[in-house]
């Protein structure tokens, strides 16, 4: 099963949130939840969520704000049903909106939304032909550029997430890699697969695939990563940037000075290698102990920079750097 992404390599999304004029919600066919002002009791809007609807096995949110005069649409690429592997793109966005109208929930003005809507949040996604095994996960962990800044966590036991450890929402950066072949077969997706006429085709498509995903959850992030001056639907879906690769290089790019001779001929590098081995390459744990040995903060920092350089030389001497390069080439 060939996806549109494989044919054209468009920028593609698994989730998108769009805001437009509230008049583009033409009518409702089911009862929407009503929203009221907490003090005056005045009706302020309506919303529908598929979380409250057993008939819709994927994320769909539709909301109207009378105060802001906005219509908000948020949906996953599963709205494409059998064409789910194509993801949301400039080629499929109209089909996504048309499919909303076919759910007998409401009628929206598809053309007006496409012409005037803006994107406020997205999950940019790429499904690569890649097996996410333990060797690759180890390579990713060992090649993180700044282990203090980027934290990693397991993702649903099927992958890994790297997150920039900052307080400001506009500065948060996250990339997730997970085994899409396993994830599509989990109980979470059972109802969605059962709703399809040929679910096996979807499962076959995702065999041997790893999903890469980054979340841009503010207009500022969208404009920065996609190199845009606005977030109009047309602008976002026609961006020619590669934001997943940009963030991948931020996290795994080598900015530590290489030690040219990975055999560690001099005593200092050799002894640091032995220490690193005793810590199993855990720079964070090592740094805690190093700081206890130095009276000055600057002395500990200088020593850790040397440890980082030796650690990089150790991992580069293995197959890890080649694995990272292999992944990067898939994202090009």
C-alpha atoms as a PDB file:
ATOM      1  CA  UNK A   1       0.000   0.000   0.000  1.00  0.00           C
ATOM      2  CA  UNK A   2       1.652   3.216  -1.178  1.00  0.00           C
ATOM      3  CA  UNK A   3       0.962   6.367   0.796  1.00  0.00           C
ATOM      4  CA  UNK A   4       0.845   9.857  -0.650  1.00  0.00           C
ATOM      5  CA  UNK A   5       3.832  10.739   1.527  1.00  0.00           C
ATOM      6  CA  UNK A   6       6.042   8.182  -0.168  1.00  0.00           C
ATOM      7  CA  UNK A   7       5.089   9.537  -3.595  1.00  0.00           C
ATOM      8  CA  UNK A   8       5.702  13.250  -2.994  1.00  0.00           C
ATOM      9  CA  UNK A   9       7.354  13.633   0.423  1.00  0.00           C
ATOM     10  CA  UNK A  10       5.022  16.413   1.514  1.00  0.00           C
ATOM     11  CA  UNK A  11       5.061  17.829   5.008  1.00  0.00           C
ATOM     12  CA  UNK A  12       2.492  15.688   6.806  1.00  0.00           C
ATOM     13  CA  UNK A  13       0.611  15.827  10.086  1.00  0.00           C
ATOM     14  CA  UNK A  14      -1.076  13.309  12.341  1.00  0.00           C
ATOM     15  CA  UNK A  15      -3.032  16.043  14.138  1.00  0.00           C
ATOM     16  CA  UNK A  16      -4.052  19.573  13.271  1.00  0.00           C
ATOM     17  CA  UNK A  17      -5.961  22.327  15.078  1.00  0.00           C
ATOM     18  CA  UNK A  18      -7.618  25.023  12.974  1.00  0.00           C
ATOM     19  CA  UNK A  19      -9.366  28.259  13.937  1.00  0.00           C
ATOM     20  CA  UNK A  20     -11.730  30.138  11.629  1.00  0.00           C
ATOM     21  CA  UNK A  21     -14.922  32.236  11.739  1.00  0.00           C
ATOM     22  CA  UNK A  22     -17.770  30.779  13.776  1.00  0.00           C
ATOM     23  CA  UNK A  23     -20.180  31.378  10.883  1.00  0.00           C
ATOM     24  CA  UNK A  24     -18.481  28.500   9.037  1.00  0.00           C
ATOM     25  CA  UNK A  25     -20.329  26.064  11.295  1.00  0.00           C
ATOM     26  CA  UNK A  26     -23.478  26.013   9.149  1.00  0.00           C
ATOM     27  CA  UNK A  27     -25.622  23.751  11.330  1.00  0.00           C
ATOM     28  CA  UNK A  28     -25.467  20.932  13.879  1.00  0.00           C
ATOM     29  CA  UNK A  29     -27.067  17.505  13.508  1.00  0.00           C
ATOM     30  CA  UNK A  30     -26.415  16.169  17.007  1.00  0.00           C
ATOM     31  CA  UNK A  31     -26.674  17.863  20.368  1.00  0.00           C
ATOM     32  CA  UNK A  32     -23.537  19.885  21.117  1.00  0.00           C
ATOM     33  CA  UNK A  33     -22.470  20.611  24.682  1.00  0.00           C
ATOM     34  CA  UNK A  34     -23.220  24.181  25.729  1.00  0.00           C
ATOM     35  CA  UNK A  35     -20.774  26.512  27.491  1.00  0.00           C
ATOM     36  CA  UNK A  36     -21.863  29.300  29.852  1.00  0.00           C
ATOM     37  CA  UNK A  37     -20.203  32.256  31.548  1.00  0.00           C
ATOM     38  CA  UNK A  38     -19.399  31.310  35.155  1.00  0.00           C
ATOM     39  CA  UNK A  39     -20.836  34.529  36.609  1.00  0.00           C
ATOM     40  CA  UNK A  40     -23.512  35.850  34.274  1.00  0.00           C
ATOM     41  CA  UNK A  41     -24.758  32.463  33.121  1.00  0.00           C
ATOM     42  CA  UNK A  42     -24.754  33.762  29.558  1.00  0.00           C
ATOM     43  CA  UNK A  43     -24.279  31.141  26.836  1.00  0.00           C
ATOM     44  CA  UNK A  44     -20.752  31.559  25.455  1.00  0.00           C
ATOM     45  CA  UNK A  45     -20.413  28.671  23.027  1.00  0.00           C
ATOM     46  CA  UNK A  46     -20.903  25.068  21.938  1.00  0.00           C
ATOM     47  CA  UNK A  47     -18.609  22.091  21.583  1.00  0.00           C
ATOM     48  CA  UNK A  48     -18.573  18.511  20.375  1.00  0.00           C
ATOM     49  CA  UNK A  49     -15.934  15.948  21.408  1.00  0.00           C
ATOM     50  CA  UNK A  50     -15.596  12.453  19.993  1.00  0.00           C
ATOM     51  CA  UNK A  51     -14.484  11.369  23.475  1.00  0.00           C
ATOM     52  CA  UNK A  52     -18.198  11.483  24.339  1.00  0.00           C
ATOM     53  CA  UNK A  53     -19.272   9.649  21.159  1.00  0.00           C
ATOM     54  CA  UNK A  54     -18.817   5.867  20.895  1.00  0.00           C
ATOM     55  CA  UNK A  55     -19.508   6.042  17.157  1.00  0.00           C
ATOM     56  CA  UNK A  56     -16.362   8.041  16.309  1.00  0.00           C
ATOM     57  CA  UNK A  57     -13.199   5.979  17.056  1.00  0.00           C
ATOM     58  CA  UNK A  58     -10.665   8.811  16.690  1.00  0.00           C
ATOM     59  CA  UNK A  59     -10.057  12.308  17.997  1.00  0.00           C
ATOM     60  CA  UNK A  60     -12.396  14.997  16.696  1.00  0.00           C
ATOM     61  CA  UNK A  61     -13.175  18.269  18.461  1.00  0.00           C
ATOM     62  CA  UNK A  62     -15.481  21.013  17.164  1.00  0.00           C
ATOM     63  CA  UNK A  63     -16.132  24.174  19.173  1.00  0.00           C
ATOM     64  CA  UNK A  64     -17.742  27.568  18.693  1.00  0.00           C
ATOM     65  CA  UNK A  65     -16.970  30.617  20.821  1.00  0.00           C
ATOM     66  CA  UNK A  66     -19.610  33.330  20.573  1.00  0.00           C
ATOM     67  CA  UNK A  67     -17.349  35.689  22.529  1.00  0.00           C
ATOM     68  CA  UNK A  68     -14.335  35.302  20.216  1.00  0.00           C
ATOM     69  CA  UNK A  69     -16.511  34.532  17.168  1.00  0.00           C
ATOM     70  CA  UNK A  70     -14.316  31.561  16.331  1.00  0.00           C
ATOM     71  CA  UNK A  71     -14.816  28.012  15.132  1.00  0.00           C
ATOM     72  CA  UNK A  72     -12.173  25.533  16.340  1.00  0.00           C
ATOM     73  CA  UNK A  73     -11.607  22.211  14.588  1.00  0.00           C
ATOM     74  CA  UNK A  74      -9.115  19.666  15.877  1.00  0.00           C
ATOM     75  CA  UNK A  75      -8.801  16.194  14.405  1.00  0.00           C
ATOM     76  CA  UNK A  76      -6.435  13.311  13.809  1.00  0.00           C
ATOM     77  CA  UNK A  77      -5.464  11.871  10.437  1.00  0.00           C
ATOM     78  CA  UNK A  78      -7.682   8.884  11.238  1.00  0.00           C
ATOM     79  CA  UNK A  79     -10.495  11.060   9.879  1.00  0.00           C
ATOM     80  CA  UNK A  80      -9.153   9.870   6.491  1.00  0.00           C
ATOM     81  CA  UNK A  81     -10.211   6.302   7.366  1.00  0.00           C
ATOM     82  CA  UNK A  82      -8.776   3.929   4.705  1.00  0.00           C
ATOM     83  CA  UNK A  83      -6.407   6.713   3.639  1.00  0.00           C
ATOM     84  CA  UNK A  84      -5.037   7.134   7.158  1.00  0.00           C
ATOM     85  CA  UNK A  85      -1.418   6.334   6.067  1.00  0.00           C
ATOM     86  CA  UNK A  86      -1.493   9.409   3.807  1.00  0.00           C
ATOM     87  CA  UNK A  87      -1.737  11.625   6.924  1.00  0.00           C
ATOM     88  CA  UNK A  88      -2.939  15.242   6.778  1.00  0.00           C
ATOM     89  CA  UNK A  89      -1.284  17.251   4.016  1.00  0.00           C
ATOM     90  CA  UNK A  90      -2.078  19.812   1.340  1.00  0.00           C
ATOM     91  CA  UNK A  91      -3.367  16.927  -0.782  1.00  0.00           C
ATOM     92  CA  UNK A  92      -5.680  15.492   1.889  1.00  0.00           C
ATOM     93  CA  UNK A  93      -6.863  18.482   3.963  1.00  0.00           C
ATOM     94  CA  UNK A  94     -10.020  19.029   1.897  1.00  0.00           C
ATOM     95  CA  UNK A  95     -10.872  15.331   2.196  1.00  0.00           C
ATOM     96  CA  UNK A  96     -10.456  15.612   5.982  1.00  0.00           C
ATOM     97  CA  UNK A  97     -12.951  18.469   6.210  1.00  0.00           C
ATOM     98  CA  UNK A  98     -15.352  16.831   3.765  1.00  0.00           C
ATOM     99  CA  UNK A  99     -15.261  13.658   5.860  1.00  0.00           C
ATOM    100  CA  UNK A 100     -16.332  15.680   8.912  1.00  0.00           C
ATOM    101  CA  UNK A 101     -19.457  16.687   6.998  1.00  0.00           C
ATOM    102  CA  UNK A 102     -20.168  13.036   6.216  1.00  0.00           C
ATOM    103  CA  UNK A 103     -20.282  12.028   9.895  1.00  0.00           C
ATOM    104  CA  UNK A 104     -23.789  13.505  10.402  1.00  0.00           C
ATOM    105  CA  UNK A 105     -22.520  15.591  13.301  1.00  0.00           C
ATOM    106  CA  UNK A 106     -22.629  19.003  11.648  1.00  0.00           C
ATOM    107  CA  UNK A 107     -22.119  20.877   8.389  1.00  0.00           C
ATOM    108  CA  UNK A 108     -19.105  23.123   7.946  1.00  0.00           C
ATOM    109  CA  UNK A 109     -18.198  25.475   5.101  1.00  0.00           C
ATOM    110  CA  UNK A 110     -15.166  23.578   3.810  1.00  0.00           C
ATOM    111  CA  UNK A 111     -14.003  26.091   1.183  1.00  0.00           C
ATOM    112  CA  UNK A 112     -14.293  29.114   3.495  1.00  0.00           C
ATOM    113  CA  UNK A 113     -12.361  27.347   6.236  1.00  0.00           C
ATOM    114  CA  UNK A 114      -9.592  26.431   3.780  1.00  0.00           C
ATOM    115  CA  UNK A 115      -9.430  30.019   2.501  1.00  0.00           C
ATOM    116  CA  UNK A 116      -9.545  31.842   5.824  1.00  0.00           C
ATOM    117  CA  UNK A 117      -8.570  29.404   8.574  1.00  0.00           C
ATOM    118  CA  UNK A 118      -5.341  29.496  10.551  1.00  0.00           C
ATOM    119  CA  UNK A 119      -3.430  26.628  12.146  1.00  0.00           C
ATOM    120  CA  UNK A 120      -2.746  26.938  15.881  1.00  0.00           C
ATOM    121  CA  UNK A 121      -1.299  23.513  16.767  1.00  0.00           C
ATOM    122  CA  UNK A 122       0.028  20.453  14.893  1.00  0.00           C
ATOM    123  CA  UNK A 123       1.759  17.108  15.274  1.00  0.00           C
ATOM    124  CA  UNK A 124       4.192  16.840  12.353  1.00  0.00           C
ATOM    125  CA  UNK A 125       4.697  13.193  11.462  1.00  0.00           C
ATOM    126  CA  UNK A 126       6.824  10.942   9.285  1.00  0.00           C
ATOM    127  CA  UNK A 127       6.622   7.137   9.081  1.00  0.00           C
ATOM    128  CA  UNK A 128      10.035   5.721   8.169  1.00  0.00           C
ATOM    129  CA  UNK A 129      11.031   2.227   7.076  1.00  0.00           C
ATOM    130  CA  UNK A 130      13.051   1.562  10.198  1.00  0.00           C
ATOM    131  CA  UNK A 131      13.056  -1.078  12.948  1.00  0.00           C
ATOM    132  CA  UNK A 132      13.225   0.584  16.355  1.00  0.00           C
ATOM    133  CA  UNK A 133      15.268  -2.026  18.237  1.00  0.00           C
ATOM    134  CA  UNK A 134      17.360  -1.909  21.426  1.00  0.00           C
ATOM    135  CA  UNK A 135      20.582  -1.128  19.529  1.00  0.00           C
ATOM    136  CA  UNK A 136      19.035   1.953  17.957  1.00  0.00           C
ATOM    137  CA  UNK A 137      17.517   3.104  21.257  1.00  0.00           C
ATOM    138  CA  UNK A 138      20.942   2.746  22.929  1.00  0.00           C
ATOM    139  CA  UNK A 139      22.564   4.695  20.098  1.00  0.00           C
ATOM    140  CA  UNK A 140      20.029   7.509  20.439  1.00  0.00           C
ATOM    141  CA  UNK A 141      20.582   7.725  24.190  1.00  0.00           C
ATOM    142  CA  UNK A 142      24.378   7.796  23.877  1.00  0.00           C
ATOM    143  CA  UNK A 143      24.477  10.419  21.126  1.00  0.00           C
ATOM    144  CA  UNK A 144      22.327  13.127  22.740  1.00  0.00           C
ATOM    145  CA  UNK A 145      24.126  16.408  22.166  1.00  0.00           C
ATOM    146  CA  UNK A 146      23.278  18.021  25.515  1.00  0.00           C
ATOM    147  CA  UNK A 147      22.324  15.430  28.124  1.00  0.00           C
ATOM    148  CA  UNK A 148      21.556  18.190  30.669  1.00  0.00           C
ATOM    149  CA  UNK A 149      19.080  19.952  28.391  1.00  0.00           C
ATOM    150  CA  UNK A 150      17.305  17.067  26.639  1.00  0.00           C
ATOM    151  CA  UNK A 151      15.581  14.539  28.876  1.00  0.00           C
ATOM    152  CA  UNK A 152      14.357  11.204  27.583  1.00  0.00           C
ATOM    153  CA  UNK A 153      11.425   9.057  28.664  1.00  0.00           C
ATOM    154  CA  UNK A 154       9.900   5.827  27.411  1.00  0.00           C
ATOM    155  CA  UNK A 155       6.881   6.285  25.149  1.00  0.00           C
ATOM    156  CA  UNK A 156       4.119   3.724  25.852  1.00  0.00           C
ATOM    157  CA  UNK A 157       6.748   0.948  26.015  1.00  0.00           C
ATOM    158  CA  UNK A 158       7.033   1.179  22.222  1.00  0.00           C
ATOM    159  CA  UNK A 159       9.463   4.047  21.751  1.00  0.00           C
ATOM    160  CA  UNK A 160      11.280   7.011  23.236  1.00  0.00           C
ATOM    161  CA  UNK A 161      10.645  10.733  23.702  1.00  0.00           C
ATOM    162  CA  UNK A 162      13.310  13.437  23.959  1.00  0.00           C
ATOM    163  CA  UNK A 163      12.180  16.716  25.533  1.00  0.00           C
ATOM    164  CA  UNK A 164      14.024  19.999  25.985  1.00  0.00           C
ATOM    165  CA  UNK A 165      13.915  20.727  29.711  1.00  0.00           C
ATOM    166  CA  UNK A 166      12.699  24.340  29.850  1.00  0.00           C
ATOM    167  CA  UNK A 167       9.903  26.182  31.665  1.00  0.00           C
ATOM    168  CA  UNK A 168       8.541  28.340  28.827  1.00  0.00           C
ATOM    169  CA  UNK A 169       5.934  26.628  26.633  1.00  0.00           C
ATOM    170  CA  UNK A 170       7.199  28.490  23.563  1.00  0.00           C
ATOM    171  CA  UNK A 171      10.682  27.020  24.117  1.00  0.00           C
ATOM    172  CA  UNK A 172       9.663  23.408  24.784  1.00  0.00           C
ATOM    173  CA  UNK A 173      10.851  21.012  22.074  1.00  0.00           C
ATOM    174  CA  UNK A 174       9.894  17.341  21.886  1.00  0.00           C
ATOM    175  CA  UNK A 175      10.525  14.543  19.407  1.00  0.00           C
ATOM    176  CA  UNK A 176       9.000  11.086  19.769  1.00  0.00           C
ATOM    177  CA  UNK A 177       9.979   7.891  17.958  1.00  0.00           C
ATOM    178  CA  UNK A 178       7.894   4.753  18.336  1.00  0.00           C
ATOM    179  CA  UNK A 179       7.155   1.404  16.728  1.00  0.00           C
ATOM    180  CA  UNK A 180       4.104   2.182  14.605  1.00  0.00           C
ATOM    181  CA  UNK A 181       3.636  -1.456  13.589  1.00  0.00           C
ATOM    182  CA  UNK A 182       3.054  -2.399  17.227  1.00  0.00           C
ATOM    183  CA  UNK A 183       1.102   0.739  18.114  1.00  0.00           C
ATOM    184  CA  UNK A 184      -1.513   0.313  15.359  1.00  0.00           C
ATOM    185  CA  UNK A 185      -2.325  -3.154  16.743  1.00  0.00           C
ATOM    186  CA  UNK A 186      -2.868  -2.038  20.350  1.00  0.00           C
ATOM    187  CA  UNK A 187      -6.303  -2.005  21.988  1.00  0.00           C
ATOM    188  CA  UNK A 188      -6.314   1.778  21.676  1.00  0.00           C
ATOM    189  CA  UNK A 189      -6.759   1.406  17.890  1.00  0.00           C
ATOM    190  CA  UNK A 190      -9.090  -1.615  17.904  1.00  0.00           C
ATOM    191  CA  UNK A 191     -12.316   0.344  17.350  1.00  0.00           C
ATOM    192  CA  UNK A 192     -10.737   2.399  14.575  1.00  0.00           C
ATOM    193  CA  UNK A 193      -9.526  -0.707  12.711  1.00  0.00           C
ATOM    194  CA  UNK A 194     -12.929  -2.355  13.147  1.00  0.00           C
ATOM    195  CA  UNK A 195     -14.561   0.650  11.486  1.00  0.00           C
ATOM    196  CA  UNK A 196     -12.560   0.121   8.275  1.00  0.00           C
ATOM    197  CA  UNK A 197     -13.530  -2.066   5.340  1.00  0.00           C
ATOM    198  CA  UNK A 198      -9.944  -3.346   4.902  1.00  0.00           C
ATOM    199  CA  UNK A 199      -8.098  -2.988   8.228  1.00  0.00           C
ATOM    200  CA  UNK A 200      -5.423  -5.499   7.226  1.00  0.00           C
ATOM    201  CA  UNK A 201      -4.182  -3.121   4.520  1.00  0.00           C
ATOM    202  CA  UNK A 202      -3.549  -0.464   7.159  1.00  0.00           C
ATOM    203  CA  UNK A 203      -1.701  -2.927   9.411  1.00  0.00           C
ATOM    204  CA  UNK A 204       0.350  -4.179   6.455  1.00  0.00           C
ATOM    205  CA  UNK A 205       1.370  -0.627   5.531  1.00  0.00           C
ATOM    206  CA  UNK A 206       2.820   0.026   8.987  1.00  0.00           C
ATOM    207  CA  UNK A 207       4.887  -3.184   9.120  1.00  0.00           C
ATOM    208  CA  UNK A 208       8.525  -2.343   9.851  1.00  0.00           C
ATOM    209  CA  UNK A 209       7.784   1.368  10.304  1.00  0.00           C
ATOM    210  CA  UNK A 210       8.941   3.770  12.995  1.00  0.00           C
ATOM    211  CA  UNK A 211       6.938   6.949  13.473  1.00  0.00           C
ATOM    212  CA  UNK A 212       8.743  10.252  14.062  1.00  0.00           C
ATOM    213  CA  UNK A 213       6.587  12.971  15.547  1.00  0.00           C
ATOM    214  CA  UNK A 214       7.080  16.501  16.842  1.00  0.00           C
ATOM    215  CA  UNK A 215       4.448  18.746  18.398  1.00  0.00           C
ATOM    216  CA  UNK A 216       4.257  22.437  17.539  1.00  0.00           C
ATOM    217  CA  UNK A 217       1.579  23.641  19.939  1.00  0.00           C
ATOM    218  CA  UNK A 218       1.747  27.413  19.505  1.00  0.00           C
ATOM    219  CA  UNK A 219       1.567  29.644  16.403  1.00  0.00           C
ATOM    220  CA  UNK A 220       5.019  31.010  17.293  1.00  0.00           C
ATOM    221  CA  UNK A 221       6.551  27.518  17.163  1.00  0.00           C
ATOM    222  CA  UNK A 222       4.783  26.764  13.884  1.00  0.00           C
ATOM    223  CA  UNK A 223       6.147  29.930  12.266  1.00  0.00           C
ATOM    224  CA  UNK A 224       9.665  29.348  13.630  1.00  0.00           C
ATOM    225  CA  UNK A 225       9.973  25.713  12.555  1.00  0.00           C
ATOM    226  CA  UNK A 226       8.206  26.119   9.219  1.00  0.00           C
ATOM    227  CA  UNK A 227       9.920  29.429   8.414  1.00  0.00           C
ATOM    228  CA  UNK A 228       6.635  31.305   7.980  1.00  0.00           C
ATOM    229  CA  UNK A 229       5.272  34.789   8.678  1.00  0.00           C
ATOM    230  CA  UNK A 230       1.717  33.533   9.285  1.00  0.00           C
ATOM    231  CA  UNK A 231      -0.073  30.272  10.047  1.00  0.00           C
ATOM    232  CA  UNK A 232      -2.736  30.301   7.349  1.00  0.00           C
ATOM    233  CA  UNK A 233      -3.712  26.782   6.295  1.00  0.00           C
ATOM    234  CA  UNK A 234      -2.243  27.249   2.821  1.00  0.00           C
ATOM    235  CA  UNK A 235       1.057  28.529   4.233  1.00  0.00           C
ATOM    236  CA  UNK A 236       1.480  25.723   6.763  1.00  0.00           C
ATOM    237  CA  UNK A 237       0.573  22.876   4.409  1.00  0.00           C
ATOM    238  CA  UNK A 238       2.851  24.201   1.664  1.00  0.00           C
ATOM    239  CA  UNK A 239       5.922  24.709   3.848  1.00  0.00           C
ATOM    240  CA  UNK A 240       9.047  23.201   2.281  1.00  0.00           C
ATOM    241  CA  UNK A 241      10.985  22.901   5.539  1.00  0.00           C
ATOM    242  CA  UNK A 242      11.895  19.644   7.293  1.00  0.00           C
ATOM    243  CA  UNK A 243      11.121  20.384  10.960  1.00  0.00           C
ATOM    244  CA  UNK A 244      11.635  16.792  12.145  1.00  0.00           C
ATOM    245  CA  UNK A 245      15.170  16.799  10.735  1.00  0.00           C
ATOM    246  CA  UNK A 246      15.827  20.247  12.226  1.00  0.00           C
ATOM    247  CA  UNK A 247      14.950  19.044  15.723  1.00  0.00           C
ATOM    248  CA  UNK A 248      16.708  15.699  15.229  1.00  0.00           C
ATOM    249  CA  UNK A 249      19.936  17.570  14.402  1.00  0.00           C
ATOM    250  CA  UNK A 250      19.479  19.832  17.423  1.00  0.00           C
ATOM    251  CA  UNK A 251      19.285  16.853  19.731  1.00  0.00           C
ATOM    252  CA  UNK A 252      21.859  14.570  18.135  1.00  0.00           C
ATOM    253  CA  UNK A 253      24.222  17.017  16.425  1.00  0.00           C
ATOM    254  CA  UNK A 254      27.828  16.691  17.596  1.00  0.00           C
ATOM    255  CA  UNK A 255      29.041  19.964  19.076  1.00  0.00           C
ATOM    256  CA  UNK A 256      31.600  18.368  21.390  1.00  0.00           C
ATOM    257  CA  UNK A 257      35.202  18.536  20.235  1.00  0.00           C
ATOM    258  CA  UNK A 258      36.293  15.202  18.829  1.00  0.00           C
ATOM    259  CA  UNK A 259      39.269  13.370  20.249  1.00  0.00           C
ATOM    260  CA  UNK A 260      41.008  12.379  17.068  1.00  0.00           C
ATOM    261  CA  UNK A 261      42.613   9.235  18.463  1.00  0.00           C
ATOM    262  CA  UNK A 262      39.909   6.970  19.860  1.00  0.00           C
ATOM    263  CA  UNK A 263      42.549   4.586  21.271  1.00  0.00           C
ATOM    264  CA  UNK A 264      43.131   6.984  24.231  1.00  0.00           C
ATOM    265  CA  UNK A 265      46.937   6.886  24.149  1.00  0.00           C
ATOM    266  CA  UNK A 266      47.561   9.550  26.790  1.00  0.00           C
ATOM    267  CA  UNK A 267      47.079   8.811  30.488  1.00  0.00           C
ATOM    268  CA  UNK A 268      44.385  11.443  31.155  1.00  0.00           C
ATOM    269  CA  UNK A 269      42.037  10.242  28.408  1.00  0.00           C
ATOM    270  CA  UNK A 270      42.707   6.591  29.250  1.00  0.00           C
ATOM    271  CA  UNK A 271      41.874   7.131  32.926  1.00  0.00           C
ATOM    272  CA  UNK A 272      38.716   9.079  32.070  1.00  0.00           C
ATOM    273  CA  UNK A 273      37.637   6.226  29.814  1.00  0.00           C
ATOM    274  CA  UNK A 274      37.995   3.779  32.697  1.00  0.00           C
ATOM    275  CA  UNK A 275      35.923   6.050  34.940  1.00  0.00           C
ATOM    276  CA  UNK A 276      33.226   6.406  32.252  1.00  0.00           C
ATOM    277  CA  UNK A 277      33.113   2.634  31.853  1.00  0.00           C
ATOM    278  CA  UNK A 278      32.579   2.240  35.597  1.00  0.00           C
ATOM    279  CA  UNK A 279      29.586   4.609  35.336  1.00  0.00           C
ATOM    280  CA  UNK A 280      28.275   2.799  32.232  1.00  0.00           C
ATOM    281  CA  UNK A 281      28.511   6.089  30.336  1.00  0.00           C
ATOM    282  CA  UNK A 282      25.986   7.807  32.643  1.00  0.00           C
ATOM    283  CA  UNK A 283      27.233  11.404  32.417  1.00  0.00           C
ATOM    284  CA  UNK A 284      24.535  12.771  34.679  1.00  0.00           C
ATOM    285  CA  UNK A 285      25.445  10.464  37.581  1.00  0.00           C
ATOM    286  CA  UNK A 286      29.152  11.056  36.976  1.00  0.00           C
ATOM    287  CA  UNK A 287      28.678  14.833  37.035  1.00  0.00           C
ATOM    288  CA  UNK A 288      27.074  14.668  40.479  1.00  0.00           C
ATOM    289  CA  UNK A 289      30.133  12.903  41.865  1.00  0.00           C
ATOM    290  CA  UNK A 290      32.611  15.109  39.979  1.00  0.00           C
ATOM    291  CA  UNK A 291      31.072  18.260  41.469  1.00  0.00           C
ATOM    292  CA  UNK A 292      31.597  16.825  44.957  1.00  0.00           C
ATOM    293  CA  UNK A 293      35.339  16.504  44.237  1.00  0.00           C
ATOM    294  CA  UNK A 294      35.876  20.125  43.146  1.00  0.00           C
ATOM    295  CA  UNK A 295      35.777  23.169  45.368  1.00  0.00           C
ATOM    296  CA  UNK A 296      34.920  25.464  42.450  1.00  0.00           C
ATOM    297  CA  UNK A 297      32.008  25.138  40.035  1.00  0.00           C
ATOM    298  CA  UNK A 298      34.197  26.162  37.085  1.00  0.00           C
ATOM    299  CA  UNK A 299      36.698  23.385  37.817  1.00  0.00           C
ATOM    300  CA  UNK A 300      33.965  20.746  37.765  1.00  0.00           C
ATOM    301  CA  UNK A 301      32.532  22.206  34.543  1.00  0.00           C
ATOM    302  CA  UNK A 302      35.910  22.091  32.780  1.00  0.00           C
ATOM    303  CA  UNK A 303      36.469  18.492  33.867  1.00  0.00           C
ATOM    304  CA  UNK A 304      32.987  17.461  32.676  1.00  0.00           C
ATOM    305  CA  UNK A 305      33.678  18.971  29.256  1.00  0.00           C
ATOM    306  CA  UNK A 306      36.702  16.684  28.991  1.00  0.00           C
ATOM    307  CA  UNK A 307      34.597  13.711  30.082  1.00  0.00           C
ATOM    308  CA  UNK A 308      32.003  14.626  27.449  1.00  0.00           C
ATOM    309  CA  UNK A 309      34.685  14.701  24.744  1.00  0.00           C
ATOM    310  CA  UNK A 310      36.026  11.285  25.811  1.00  0.00           C
ATOM    311  CA  UNK A 311      32.488   9.898  26.012  1.00  0.00           C
ATOM    312  CA  UNK A 312      31.762  11.115  22.495  1.00  0.00           C
ATOM    313  CA  UNK A 313      34.980   9.536  21.197  1.00  0.00           C
ATOM    314  CA  UNK A 314      34.017   6.253  22.875  1.00  0.00           C
ATOM    315  CA  UNK A 315      30.565   6.169  21.311  1.00  0.00           C
ATOM    316  CA  UNK A 316      31.843   7.347  17.933  1.00  0.00           C
ATOM    317  CA  UNK A 317      34.287   4.487  17.926  1.00  0.00           C
ATOM    318  CA  UNK A 318      31.324   2.121  18.129  1.00  0.00           C
ATOM    319  CA  UNK A 319      28.500   1.660  15.634  1.00  0.00           C
ATOM    320  CA  UNK A 320      26.296   4.252  17.325  1.00  0.00           C
ATOM    321  CA  UNK A 321      27.308   7.162  15.134  1.00  0.00           C
ATOM    322  CA  UNK A 322      26.618   5.099  12.007  1.00  0.00           C
ATOM    323  CA  UNK A 323      23.153   4.247  13.318  1.00  0.00           C
ATOM    324  CA  UNK A 324      22.388   7.919  13.951  1.00  0.00           C
ATOM    325  CA  UNK A 325      23.568   8.775  10.448  1.00  0.00           C
ATOM    326  CA  UNK A 326      21.341   6.031   9.029  1.00  0.00           C
ATOM    327  CA  UNK A 327      18.319   7.523  10.788  1.00  0.00           C
ATOM    328  CA  UNK A 328      19.226  11.015   9.643  1.00  0.00           C
ATOM    329  CA  UNK A 329      19.428   9.881   6.020  1.00  0.00           C
ATOM    330  CA  UNK A 330      15.890   8.509   6.282  1.00  0.00           C
ATOM    331  CA  UNK A 331      14.693  11.948   7.358  1.00  0.00           C
ATOM    332  CA  UNK A 332      16.407  13.826   4.517  1.00  0.00           C
END
